[in-house]
Amino acid sequence: MAAEEGMMYSKEYSELLARITVNPDIMVGKPVIRGMRITVEQILKALGGGVSASDILEDYPELESEDIQAAILYASERIENEKVYAVNG
């Protein structure tokens, strides 16, 4: 069962991440939601600033709740293998 769940999550993650597109002709190549001019950065900054997902969806009616999930997943994937080094000054 655990293997099946892992495959389900993998497929679900792939479907979510497919919502994030990068095109040098749209928003200077920043990752955007489904080719629209709404960047992952905008979504994350709004959430980090205390704007609720429902408020974002209200402000951007073209977005779907899965788009917000996709933005968060995309960001987590980008930093997943980030290495942090201590700098001794």
N, C-alpha and C. Protein backbone atom coordinates (compact mmCIF):
# COMPACT_ATOMS: atom_id res chain seq x y z
N MET A 1 0.83 -1.20 0.00
CA MET A 1 0.00 0.00 0.00
C MET A 1 0.86 1.26 0.00
N ALA A 2 1.96 1.25 0.78
CA ALA A 2 2.83 2.43 0.86
C ALA A 2 3.43 2.75 -0.50
N ALA A 3 3.80 1.72 -1.26
CA ALA A 3 4.36 1.96 -2.59
C ALA A 3 3.31 2.60 -3.50
N GLU A 4 2.07 2.14 -3.40
CA GLU A 4 0.99 2.71 -4.20
C GLU A 4 0.77 4.17 -3.82
N GLU A 5 0.82 4.46 -2.51
CA GLU A 5 0.64 5.85 -2.07
C GLU A 5 1.77 6.72 -2.60
N GLY A 6 3.00 6.20 -2.58
CA GLY A 6 4.13 6.95 -3.10
C GLY A 6 3.96 7.27 -4.58
N MET A 7 3.46 6.29 -5.34
CA MET A 7 3.22 6.51 -6.76
C MET A 7 2.13 7.55 -6.96
N MET A 8 1.08 7.50 -6.11
CA MET A 8 -0.01 8.47 -6.23
C MET A 8 0.52 9.88 -5.96
N TYR A 9 1.31 10.01 -4.89
CA TYR A 9 1.87 11.32 -4.59
C TYR A 9 2.78 11.79 -5.70
N SER A 10 3.56 10.90 -6.25
CA SER A 10 4.46 11.26 -7.33
C SER A 10 3.68 11.79 -8.53
N LYS A 11 2.61 11.09 -8.89
CA LYS A 11 1.78 11.53 -10.02
C LYS A 11 1.11 12.86 -9.69
N GLU A 12 0.59 12.96 -8.47
CA GLU A 12 -0.06 14.20 -8.05
C GLU A 12 0.94 15.36 -8.08
N TYR A 13 2.15 15.12 -7.57
CA TYR A 13 3.19 16.15 -7.58
C TYR A 13 3.52 16.55 -9.00
N SER A 14 3.66 15.58 -9.88
CA SER A 14 3.98 15.88 -11.28
C SER A 14 2.90 16.72 -11.92
N GLU A 15 1.64 16.38 -11.62
CA GLU A 15 0.54 17.15 -12.18
C GLU A 15 0.54 18.58 -11.64
N LEU A 16 0.83 18.73 -10.36
CA LEU A 16 0.89 20.08 -9.79
C LEU A 16 2.04 20.86 -10.39
N LEU A 17 3.22 20.24 -10.46
CA LEU A 17 4.39 20.95 -10.98
C LEU A 17 4.23 21.31 -12.46
N ALA A 18 3.42 20.56 -13.19
CA ALA A 18 3.16 20.88 -14.60
C ALA A 18 2.43 22.21 -14.75
N ARG A 19 1.81 22.69 -13.69
CA ARG A 19 1.13 23.98 -13.72
C ARG A 19 2.12 25.15 -13.74
N ILE A 20 3.35 24.88 -13.35
CA ILE A 20 4.37 25.93 -13.31
C ILE A 20 5.13 25.90 -14.63
N THR A 21 5.16 27.03 -15.30
CA THR A 21 5.85 27.11 -16.58
C THR A 21 6.90 28.21 -16.54
N VAL A 22 7.91 28.01 -17.37
CA VAL A 22 8.98 28.99 -17.49
C VAL A 22 9.16 29.28 -18.98
N ASN A 23 9.02 30.53 -19.34
CA ASN A 23 9.14 30.95 -20.73
C ASN A 23 9.84 32.31 -20.72
N PRO A 24 10.97 32.42 -21.42
CA PRO A 24 11.70 33.70 -21.41
C PRO A 24 10.87 34.89 -21.90
N ASP A 25 9.80 34.62 -22.64
CA ASP A 25 8.96 35.70 -23.15
C ASP A 25 7.85 36.12 -22.18
N ILE A 26 7.72 35.40 -21.08
CA ILE A 26 6.68 35.73 -20.09
C ILE A 26 7.36 36.06 -18.77
N MET A 27 7.16 37.26 -18.29
CA MET A 27 7.70 37.72 -17.01
C MET A 27 9.22 37.48 -16.90
N VAL A 28 9.91 37.73 -18.00
CA VAL A 28 11.38 37.64 -18.07
C VAL A 28 11.88 36.25 -17.66
N GLY A 29 11.09 35.22 -17.91
CA GLY A 29 11.51 33.86 -17.64
C GLY A 29 11.31 33.39 -16.22
N LYS A 30 10.65 34.20 -15.39
CA LYS A 30 10.37 33.74 -14.03
C LYS A 30 9.32 32.63 -14.09
N PRO A 31 9.34 31.72 -13.12
CA PRO A 31 8.31 30.68 -13.09
C PRO A 31 6.93 31.32 -12.87
N VAL A 32 6.00 30.93 -13.70
CA VAL A 32 4.64 31.48 -13.64
C VAL A 32 3.63 30.35 -13.56
N ILE A 33 2.41 30.73 -13.22
CA ILE A 33 1.31 29.79 -13.13
C ILE A 33 0.66 29.61 -14.50
N ARG A 34 0.72 28.40 -15.03
CA ARG A 34 0.04 28.03 -16.28
C ARG A 34 0.21 29.04 -17.41
N GLY A 35 1.39 29.60 -17.54
CA GLY A 35 1.66 30.51 -18.64
C GLY A 35 1.05 31.90 -18.48
N MET A 36 0.39 32.13 -17.35
CA MET A 36 -0.20 33.45 -17.10
C MET A 36 0.88 34.39 -16.57
N ARG A 37 0.55 35.61 -16.44
CA ARG A 37 1.50 36.60 -15.94
C ARG A 37 1.40 36.74 -14.42
N ILE A 38 1.23 35.62 -13.77
CA ILE A 38 1.20 35.55 -12.31
C ILE A 38 2.37 34.65 -11.90
N THR A 39 3.33 35.23 -11.20
CA THR A 39 4.54 34.47 -10.88
C THR A 39 4.39 33.67 -9.58
N VAL A 40 5.19 32.63 -9.50
CA VAL A 40 5.28 31.86 -8.26
C VAL A 40 5.69 32.80 -7.13
N GLU A 41 6.61 33.69 -7.44
CA GLU A 41 7.09 34.66 -6.45
C GLU A 41 5.94 35.50 -5.88
N GLN A 42 5.05 35.97 -6.74
CA GLN A 42 3.90 36.77 -6.28
C GLN A 42 3.05 35.97 -5.30
N ILE A 43 2.79 34.73 -5.64
CA ILE A 43 1.96 33.88 -4.79
C ILE A 43 2.64 33.68 -3.43
N LEU A 44 3.93 33.34 -3.46
CA LEU A 44 4.65 33.06 -2.22
C LEU A 44 4.77 34.30 -1.34
N LYS A 45 5.04 35.45 -1.96
CA LYS A 45 5.15 36.69 -1.18
C LYS A 45 3.81 37.05 -0.54
N ALA A 46 2.73 36.84 -1.29
CA ALA A 46 1.41 37.13 -0.73
C ALA A 46 1.13 36.22 0.46
N LEU A 47 1.38 34.93 0.30
CA LEU A 47 1.15 33.99 1.40
C LEU A 47 2.04 34.33 2.59
N GLY A 48 3.31 34.63 2.32
CA GLY A 48 4.24 34.98 3.39
C GLY A 48 3.86 36.28 4.07
N GLY A 49 3.18 37.15 3.35
CA GLY A 49 2.74 38.42 3.91
C GLY A 49 1.42 38.34 4.65
N GLY A 50 0.89 37.12 4.76
CA GLY A 50 -0.33 36.94 5.52
C GLY A 50 -1.62 36.93 4.72
N VAL A 51 -1.51 37.02 3.40
CA VAL A 51 -2.71 36.95 2.57
C VAL A 51 -3.14 35.49 2.50
N SER A 52 -4.39 35.22 2.74
CA SER A 52 -4.86 33.84 2.73
C SER A 52 -5.00 33.34 1.29
N ALA A 53 -4.96 32.03 1.15
CA ALA A 53 -5.14 31.43 -0.18
C ALA A 53 -6.49 31.82 -0.76
N SER A 54 -7.52 31.87 0.07
CA SER A 54 -8.84 32.25 -0.45
C SER A 54 -8.86 33.70 -0.93
N ASP A 55 -8.12 34.57 -0.25
CA ASP A 55 -8.05 35.96 -0.71
C ASP A 55 -7.29 36.06 -2.03
N ILE A 56 -6.24 35.27 -2.18
CA ILE A 56 -5.49 35.26 -3.45
C ILE A 56 -6.41 34.80 -4.57
N LEU A 57 -7.16 33.74 -4.32
CA LEU A 57 -8.09 33.23 -5.34
C LEU A 57 -9.17 34.25 -5.67
N GLU A 58 -9.57 35.02 -4.70
CA GLU A 58 -10.57 36.06 -4.95
C GLU A 58 -9.97 37.20 -5.78
N ASP A 59 -8.71 37.56 -5.47
CA ASP A 59 -8.04 38.64 -6.19
C ASP A 59 -7.66 38.23 -7.62
N TYR A 60 -7.40 36.94 -7.81
CA TYR A 60 -7.01 36.42 -9.13
C TYR A 60 -7.98 35.30 -9.50
N PRO A 61 -9.17 35.65 -10.01
CA PRO A 61 -10.19 34.62 -10.28
C PRO A 61 -9.75 33.58 -11.32
N GLU A 62 -8.72 33.89 -12.10
CA GLU A 62 -8.24 32.92 -13.08
C GLU A 62 -7.41 31.80 -12.44
N LEU A 63 -7.03 31.98 -11.17
CA LEU A 63 -6.28 30.96 -10.45
C LEU A 63 -7.20 29.90 -9.87
N GLU A 64 -6.64 28.73 -9.67
CA GLU A 64 -7.33 27.63 -9.01
C GLU A 64 -6.54 27.27 -7.76
N SER A 65 -7.18 26.65 -6.80
CA SER A 65 -6.48 26.31 -5.55
C SER A 65 -5.25 25.44 -5.82
N GLU A 66 -5.32 24.60 -6.84
CA GLU A 66 -4.18 23.76 -7.19
C GLU A 66 -2.98 24.60 -7.64
N ASP A 67 -3.23 25.79 -8.18
CA ASP A 67 -2.13 26.67 -8.59
C ASP A 67 -1.33 27.13 -7.38
N ILE A 68 -2.03 27.42 -6.30
CA ILE A 68 -1.34 27.84 -5.08
C ILE A 68 -0.55 26.67 -4.51
N GLN A 69 -1.15 25.49 -4.50
CA GLN A 69 -0.42 24.29 -4.07
C GLN A 69 0.82 24.09 -4.94
N ALA A 70 0.67 24.28 -6.23
CA ALA A 70 1.78 24.09 -7.16
C ALA A 70 2.92 25.07 -6.88
N ALA A 71 2.58 26.31 -6.58
CA ALA A 71 3.60 27.32 -6.28
C ALA A 71 4.39 26.93 -5.03
N ILE A 72 3.70 26.46 -4.01
CA ILE A 72 4.38 26.04 -2.78
C ILE A 72 5.24 24.81 -3.04
N LEU A 73 4.71 23.85 -3.77
CA LEU A 73 5.47 22.64 -4.08
C LEU A 73 6.70 22.99 -4.92
N TYR A 74 6.52 23.86 -5.90
CA TYR A 74 7.66 24.28 -6.74
C TYR A 74 8.76 24.89 -5.88
N ALA A 75 8.39 25.77 -4.98
CA ALA A 75 9.39 26.41 -4.11
C ALA A 75 10.08 25.37 -3.24
N SER A 76 9.32 24.42 -2.70
CA SER A 76 9.94 23.40 -1.85
C SER A 76 10.89 22.52 -2.65
N GLU A 77 10.53 22.22 -3.89
CA GLU A 77 11.41 21.44 -4.75
C GLU A 77 12.71 22.19 -5.06
N ARG A 78 12.60 23.48 -5.24
CA ARG A 78 13.78 24.29 -5.56
C ARG A 78 14.77 24.36 -4.40
N ILE A 79 14.27 24.34 -3.17
CA ILE A 79 15.19 24.46 -2.03
C ILE A 79 15.48 23.12 -1.36
N GLU A 80 14.89 22.06 -1.85
CA GLU A 80 15.02 20.75 -1.22
C GLU A 80 16.49 20.33 -1.03
N ASN A 81 17.31 20.55 -2.01
CA ASN A 81 18.70 20.12 -1.92
C ASN A 81 19.66 21.27 -1.68
N GLU A 82 19.10 22.41 -1.27
CA GLU A 82 19.94 23.57 -1.00
C GLU A 82 20.88 23.26 0.15
N LYS A 83 22.11 23.65 -0.01
CA LYS A 83 23.11 23.47 1.04
C LYS A 83 23.38 24.82 1.70
N VAL A 84 23.47 24.80 3.00
CA VAL A 84 23.74 26.01 3.76
C VAL A 84 25.07 25.82 4.46
N TYR A 85 25.95 26.77 4.29
CA TYR A 85 27.28 26.68 4.88
C TYR A 85 27.45 27.80 5.91
N ALA A 86 28.04 27.45 7.02
CA ALA A 86 28.33 28.46 8.04
C ALA A 86 29.51 29.31 7.55
N VAL A 87 29.35 30.60 7.73
CA VAL A 87 30.42 31.54 7.38
C VAL A 87 30.95 32.12 8.67
N ASN A 88 32.20 31.86 8.93
CA ASN A 88 32.83 32.38 10.13
C ASN A 88 33.53 33.68 9.77
N GLY A 89 33.13 34.73 10.41
CA GLY A 89 33.67 36.04 10.07
C GLY A 89 34.74 36.42 10.98
